[in-house]
Amino acid sequence: MSMKCDFQDGWKVDYSGDLRIKHGDDVNVYITSGNIPSEFKNDLDSCDSCDSLKKLAQDITNKVGPHACLHE
């Protein structure tokens, strides 16, 4: 599954196995595929709209922090 979404409010989410979340200087998150929290992985893989991807990105940012870089 691969999806890239840019929103008018400045959020940018790119999921293509690895996950990148950006929102100005406030949020900059990068998580490799193997480090995405398990409670979000299935939802990301079955995401079918940019709106649902943004909601997941915000939930993940709340869990890992706004400046997370999780990689192997």
Protein backbone atom coordinates (compact mmCIF):
# COMPACT_ATOMS: atom_id res chain seq x y z
CA MET A 1 0.00 0.00 0.00
CA SER A 2 1.28 3.42 -0.87
CA MET A 3 -0.38 6.78 -0.30
CA LYS A 4 0.87 10.35 -0.26
CA CYS A 5 -1.34 13.22 0.90
CA ASP A 6 -0.76 16.96 1.26
CA PHE A 7 -3.37 18.98 3.13
CA GLN A 8 -4.23 22.68 2.98
CA ASP A 9 -3.54 23.03 6.72
CA GLY A 10 0.10 22.06 6.17
CA TRP A 11 0.01 18.36 7.12
CA LYS A 12 1.92 16.04 4.77
CA VAL A 13 1.75 12.27 5.11
CA ASP A 14 3.62 9.75 2.97
CA TYR A 15 3.14 6.04 3.60
CA SER A 16 4.84 3.55 1.33
CA GLY A 17 5.91 0.96 3.90
CA ASP A 18 7.94 3.58 5.74
CA LEU A 19 5.96 6.47 7.19
CA ARG A 20 6.78 10.17 6.96
CA ILE A 21 4.66 12.79 8.72
CA LYS A 22 5.32 16.52 8.47
CA HIS A 23 3.46 19.58 9.73
CA GLY A 24 5.57 22.72 9.45
CA ASP A 25 8.26 22.90 12.13
CA ASP A 26 5.93 21.38 14.75
CA VAL A 27 5.91 17.79 13.51
CA ASN A 28 8.62 15.81 11.73
CA VAL A 29 8.22 12.05 12.12
CA TYR A 30 9.96 9.24 10.22
CA ILE A 31 9.30 5.60 11.05
CA THR A 32 10.60 2.65 9.06
CA SER A 33 8.13 -0.10 8.24
CA GLY A 34 9.37 -2.50 10.94
CA ASN A 35 9.08 0.14 13.68
CA ILE A 36 5.54 1.38 13.11
CA PRO A 37 3.57 0.71 16.32
CA SER A 38 1.66 -2.55 15.83
CA GLU A 39 -1.68 -1.05 16.82
CA PHE A 40 -1.48 1.23 13.75
CA LYS A 41 0.13 -1.03 11.13
CA ASN A 42 -3.04 -2.81 9.92
CA ASP A 43 -4.98 0.45 9.78
CA LEU A 44 -2.23 2.05 7.68
CA ASP A 45 -2.18 -0.91 5.30
CA SER A 46 -5.95 -0.74 4.80
CA CYS A 47 -6.24 3.05 4.66
CA ASP A 48 -8.51 4.11 1.78
CA SER A 49 -8.54 7.91 1.93
CA CYS A 50 -6.31 10.85 2.71
CA ASP A 51 -8.63 11.87 5.55
CA SER A 52 -8.24 8.51 7.30
CA LEU A 53 -4.47 8.60 6.68
CA LYS A 54 -4.25 12.05 8.29
CA LYS A 55 -6.21 10.89 11.35
CA LEU A 56 -3.87 7.90 11.76
CA ALA A 57 -0.84 10.16 11.30
CA GLN A 58 -2.08 12.45 14.05
CA ASP A 59 -2.72 9.47 16.37
CA ILE A 60 0.75 8.07 15.67
CA THR A 61 2.33 11.49 16.25
CA ASN A 62 0.54 11.69 19.61
CA LYS A 63 1.94 8.27 20.55
CA VAL A 64 5.57 8.59 19.39
CA GLY A 65 6.04 12.35 19.74
CA PRO A 66 6.26 15.17 17.19
CA HIS A 67 9.94 14.72 16.35
CA ALA A 68 10.37 10.94 16.30
CA CYS A 69 12.78 9.05 14.09
CA LEU A 70 12.32 5.32 14.58
CA HIS A 71 14.49 3.12 12.41
CA GLU A 72 16.48 -0.08 12.63
